[in-house]
Amino acid sequence: MIPNASLEERLATIEAAIAELQEKVADPQPTNWLQQIAGSFKDEPAFEEVLAYGRAIRKGDETLLEAQDEL
């Protein structure tokens, strides 16, 4: 808030802020969650391991999973 501002000035500031918020709420930007997280794990060392587990599970290859259980 503006120090020493009149009540009318303060009210005008609040009304402008409310109008801005109403515009944002009235026209929300669509968010695509997949695009937001795409590539976020590219530098994660365990990510390749997770992908390998996923491939093994889809193929029915349980040797990779059994090898991990033995560790």
C-alpha atoms as a PDB file:
ATOM      1  CA  MET A   1       0.000   0.000   0.000  1.00  0.00           C
ATOM      2  CA  ILE A   2       0.951   3.590  -0.490  1.00  0.00           C
ATOM      3  CA  PRO A   3       1.740   5.324   2.819  1.00  0.00           C
ATOM      4  CA  ASN A   4      -0.272   8.477   3.462  1.00  0.00           C
ATOM      5  CA  ALA A   5      -2.576   7.725   0.510  1.00  0.00           C
ATOM      6  CA  SER A   6      -6.137   8.846   0.658  1.00  0.00           C
ATOM      7  CA  LEU A   7      -8.923   6.357   1.093  1.00  0.00           C
ATOM      8  CA  GLU A   8      -9.960   6.886  -2.533  1.00  0.00           C
ATOM      9  CA  GLU A   9      -6.444   6.133  -3.802  1.00  0.00           C
ATOM     10  CA  ARG A  10      -6.181   3.015  -1.688  1.00  0.00           C
ATOM     11  CA  LEU A  11      -9.596   1.850  -2.854  1.00  0.00           C
ATOM     12  CA  ALA A  12      -8.631   2.447  -6.498  1.00  0.00           C
ATOM     13  CA  THR A  13      -5.489   0.359  -6.016  1.00  0.00           C
ATOM     14  CA  ILE A  14      -7.490  -2.472  -4.487  1.00  0.00           C
ATOM     15  CA  GLU A  15     -10.112  -2.320  -7.248  1.00  0.00           C
ATOM     16  CA  ALA A  16      -7.413  -2.507  -9.910  1.00  0.00           C
ATOM     17  CA  ALA A  17      -5.860  -5.521  -8.218  1.00  0.00           C
ATOM     18  CA  ILE A  18      -9.247  -7.237  -7.969  1.00  0.00           C
ATOM     19  CA  ALA A  19      -9.962  -6.560 -11.643  1.00  0.00           C
ATOM     20  CA  GLU A  20      -6.611  -8.103 -12.581  1.00  0.00           C
ATOM     21  CA  LEU A  21      -7.330 -11.198 -10.487  1.00  0.00           C
ATOM     22  CA  GLN A  22     -10.802 -11.538 -11.994  1.00  0.00           C
ATOM     23  CA  GLU A  23      -9.310 -11.496 -15.494  1.00  0.00           C
ATOM     24  CA  LYS A  24      -6.899 -14.272 -14.575  1.00  0.00           C
ATOM     25  CA  VAL A  25      -9.644 -16.393 -13.041  1.00  0.00           C
ATOM     26  CA  ALA A  26     -12.044 -15.805 -15.928  1.00  0.00           C
ATOM     27  CA  ASP A  27      -9.524 -16.912 -18.573  1.00  0.00           C
ATOM     28  CA  PRO A  28      -7.280 -19.557 -17.020  1.00  0.00           C
ATOM     29  CA  GLN A  29      -4.413 -20.821 -19.128  1.00  0.00           C
ATOM     30  CA  PRO A  30      -4.745 -24.531 -19.852  1.00  0.00           C
ATOM     31  CA  THR A  31      -1.970 -26.505 -18.256  1.00  0.00           C
ATOM     32  CA  ASN A  32      -0.662 -29.656 -19.795  1.00  0.00           C
ATOM     33  CA  TRP A  33       0.889 -31.583 -16.926  1.00  0.00           C
ATOM     34  CA  LEU A  34       2.824 -33.810 -19.296  1.00  0.00           C
ATOM     35  CA  GLN A  35       4.579 -30.874 -20.944  1.00  0.00           C
ATOM     36  CA  GLN A  36       5.367 -29.415 -17.529  1.00  0.00           C
ATOM     37  CA  ILE A  37       7.257 -32.523 -16.385  1.00  0.00           C
ATOM     38  CA  ALA A  38       8.722 -33.665 -19.728  1.00  0.00           C
ATOM     39  CA  GLY A  39      12.493 -33.825 -19.466  1.00  0.00           C
ATOM     40  CA  SER A  40      12.591 -33.114 -15.752  1.00  0.00           C
ATOM     41  CA  PHE A  41      14.302 -36.447 -15.005  1.00  0.00           C
ATOM     42  CA  LYS A  42      16.831 -36.432 -17.854  1.00  0.00           C
ATOM     43  CA  ASP A  43      19.805 -35.815 -15.571  1.00  0.00           C
ATOM     44  CA  GLU A  44      18.639 -38.195 -12.836  1.00  0.00           C
ATOM     45  CA  PRO A  45      20.988 -41.225 -12.672  1.00  0.00           C
ATOM     46  CA  ALA A  46      18.284 -43.582 -11.413  1.00  0.00           C
ATOM     47  CA  PHE A  47      15.925 -42.719 -14.275  1.00  0.00           C
ATOM     48  CA  GLU A  48      17.567 -45.107 -16.750  1.00  0.00           C
ATOM     49  CA  GLU A  49      17.344 -47.856 -14.151  1.00  0.00           C
ATOM     50  CA  VAL A  50      13.644 -47.171 -13.670  1.00  0.00           C
ATOM     51  CA  LEU A  51      13.126 -47.341 -17.437  1.00  0.00           C
ATOM     52  CA  ALA A  52      14.955 -50.689 -17.551  1.00  0.00           C
ATOM     53  CA  TYR A  53      12.693 -52.051 -14.816  1.00  0.00           C
ATOM     54  CA  GLY A  54       9.638 -50.868 -16.734  1.00  0.00           C
ATOM     55  CA  ARG A  55      10.816 -52.582 -19.921  1.00  0.00           C
ATOM     56  CA  ALA A  56      11.555 -55.796 -18.010  1.00  0.00           C
ATOM     57  CA  ILE A  57       8.107 -55.811 -16.424  1.00  0.00           C
ATOM     58  CA  ARG A  58       6.364 -55.187 -19.757  1.00  0.00           C
ATOM     59  CA  LYS A  59       8.340 -57.996 -21.417  1.00  0.00           C
ATOM     60  CA  GLY A  60       7.739 -60.379 -18.543  1.00  0.00           C
ATOM     61  CA  ASP A  61      11.485 -60.623 -17.959  1.00  0.00           C
ATOM     62  CA  GLU A  62      11.782 -61.099 -14.229  1.00  0.00           C
ATOM     63  CA  THR A  63      15.510 -61.863 -14.223  1.00  0.00           C
ATOM     64  CA  LEU A  64      16.312 -58.166 -13.843  1.00  0.00           C
ATOM     65  CA  LEU A  65      13.943 -57.926 -10.899  1.00  0.00           C
ATOM     66  CA  GLU A  66      15.290 -61.113  -9.309  1.00  0.00           C
ATOM     67  CA  ALA A  67      18.876 -59.863  -9.678  1.00  0.00           C
ATOM     68  CA  GLN A  68      17.936 -56.709  -7.783  1.00  0.00           C
ATOM     69  CA  ASP A  69      16.334 -58.758  -4.982  1.00  0.00           C
ATOM     70  CA  GLU A  70      19.606 -60.620  -4.477  1.00  0.00           C
ATOM     71  CA  LEU A  71      21.554 -57.421  -3.796  1.00  0.00           C
END
